[in-house]
Amino acid sequence: ANDIFIFNEVIGHLGLLELPIKGRSYTWSNMQDNPLLEQLDSFFTSANWITCYPSTQVLP
């Protein structure tokens, strides 16, 4: 099986939600003149956490 498929299945099975990164749509750059910009980092939490801490943010 594909590793990303297994990862996504586990995330779904656990009911985790991804927290968006505030103020930036990427977390990695190759630092070239015409850079590649990618989001390599992901942050997950539970619905219970969001309920208890609704102002949780992920900052770059």
C-alpha atoms as a PDB file:
ATOM      1  CA  ALA A   1       0.000   0.000   0.000  1.00  0.00           C
ATOM      2  CA  ASN A   2       1.039   3.589  -0.593  1.00  0.00           C
ATOM      3  CA  ASP A   3       2.482   5.257   2.545  1.00  0.00           C
ATOM      4  CA  ILE A   4       0.529   8.492   2.039  1.00  0.00           C
ATOM      5  CA  PHE A   5      -2.683   6.484   1.700  1.00  0.00           C
ATOM      6  CA  ILE A   6      -1.977   4.719   5.013  1.00  0.00           C
ATOM      7  CA  PHE A   7      -1.122   8.058   6.652  1.00  0.00           C
ATOM      8  CA  ASN A   8      -4.391   9.603   5.432  1.00  0.00           C
ATOM      9  CA  GLU A   9      -6.345   6.545   6.613  1.00  0.00           C
ATOM     10  CA  VAL A  10      -4.847   6.859  10.116  1.00  0.00           C
ATOM     11  CA  ILE A  11      -5.595  10.603  10.244  1.00  0.00           C
ATOM     12  CA  GLY A  12      -9.189   9.918   9.210  1.00  0.00           C
ATOM     13  CA  HIS A  13      -9.598   6.976  11.592  1.00  0.00           C
ATOM     14  CA  LEU A  14      -8.378   9.062  14.534  1.00  0.00           C
ATOM     15  CA  GLY A  15     -10.652  11.951  13.521  1.00  0.00           C
ATOM     16  CA  LEU A  16      -7.771  14.431  13.481  1.00  0.00           C
ATOM     17  CA  LEU A  17      -8.176  17.891  11.985  1.00  0.00           C
ATOM     18  CA  GLU A  18      -5.406  19.856  10.300  1.00  0.00           C
ATOM     19  CA  LEU A  19      -4.602  23.274  11.732  1.00  0.00           C
ATOM     20  CA  PRO A  20      -3.761  25.837   9.042  1.00  0.00           C
ATOM     21  CA  ILE A  21      -0.541  27.838   9.252  1.00  0.00           C
ATOM     22  CA  LYS A  22      -1.362  31.509   9.787  1.00  0.00           C
ATOM     23  CA  GLY A  23       0.138  34.049   7.428  1.00  0.00           C
ATOM     24  CA  ARG A  24       1.978  31.660   5.122  1.00  0.00           C
ATOM     25  CA  SER A  25       0.957  29.077   2.550  1.00  0.00           C
ATOM     26  CA  TYR A  26       4.354  27.330   2.456  1.00  0.00           C
ATOM     27  CA  THR A  27       6.899  26.087   4.997  1.00  0.00           C
ATOM     28  CA  TRP A  28       9.886  25.337   2.748  1.00  0.00           C
ATOM     29  CA  SER A  29      11.735  27.139  -0.023  1.00  0.00           C
ATOM     30  CA  ASN A  30      14.745  26.096  -2.086  1.00  0.00           C
ATOM     31  CA  MET A  31      15.958  29.728  -1.771  1.00  0.00           C
ATOM     32  CA  GLN A  32      16.579  30.125  -5.516  1.00  0.00           C
ATOM     33  CA  ASP A  33      15.935  33.304  -7.546  1.00  0.00           C
ATOM     34  CA  ASN A  34      12.739  31.659  -8.807  1.00  0.00           C
ATOM     35  CA  PRO A  35      11.998  29.577  -5.701  1.00  0.00           C
ATOM     36  CA  LEU A  36      10.054  26.396  -5.253  1.00  0.00           C
ATOM     37  CA  LEU A  37       7.644  26.935  -2.365  1.00  0.00           C
ATOM     38  CA  GLU A  38       6.100  23.908  -0.663  1.00  0.00           C
ATOM     39  CA  GLN A  39       4.129  23.157   2.471  1.00  0.00           C
ATOM     40  CA  LEU A  40       6.038  20.275   4.030  1.00  0.00           C
ATOM     41  CA  ASP A  41       4.830  20.638   7.621  1.00  0.00           C
ATOM     42  CA  SER A  42       1.364  19.717   8.827  1.00  0.00           C
ATOM     43  CA  PHE A  43      -0.162  20.179  12.261  1.00  0.00           C
ATOM     44  CA  PHE A  44      -3.033  18.023  13.471  1.00  0.00           C
ATOM     45  CA  THR A  45      -5.267  18.117  16.524  1.00  0.00           C
ATOM     46  CA  SER A  46      -8.548  16.713  17.791  1.00  0.00           C
ATOM     47  CA  ALA A  47     -11.994  18.280  17.711  1.00  0.00           C
ATOM     48  CA  ASN A  48     -11.907  18.207  21.531  1.00  0.00           C
ATOM     49  CA  TRP A  49      -8.747  20.342  21.562  1.00  0.00           C
ATOM     50  CA  ILE A  50     -10.323  22.881  19.216  1.00  0.00           C
ATOM     51  CA  THR A  51     -13.410  23.003  21.440  1.00  0.00           C
ATOM     52  CA  CYS A  52     -11.312  23.578  24.587  1.00  0.00           C
ATOM     53  CA  TYR A  53      -8.795  25.921  22.929  1.00  0.00           C
ATOM     54  CA  PRO A  54     -10.619  27.581  20.002  1.00  0.00           C
ATOM     55  CA  SER A  55      -7.965  30.255  19.459  1.00  0.00           C
ATOM     56  CA  THR A  56      -5.145  27.726  18.867  1.00  0.00           C
ATOM     57  CA  GLN A  57      -2.922  28.920  16.010  1.00  0.00           C
ATOM     58  CA  VAL A  58       0.066  27.572  14.130  1.00  0.00           C
ATOM     59  CA  LEU A  59       2.526  30.382  13.389  1.00  0.00           C
ATOM     60  CA  PRO A  60       5.469  30.166  10.977  1.00  0.00           C
END
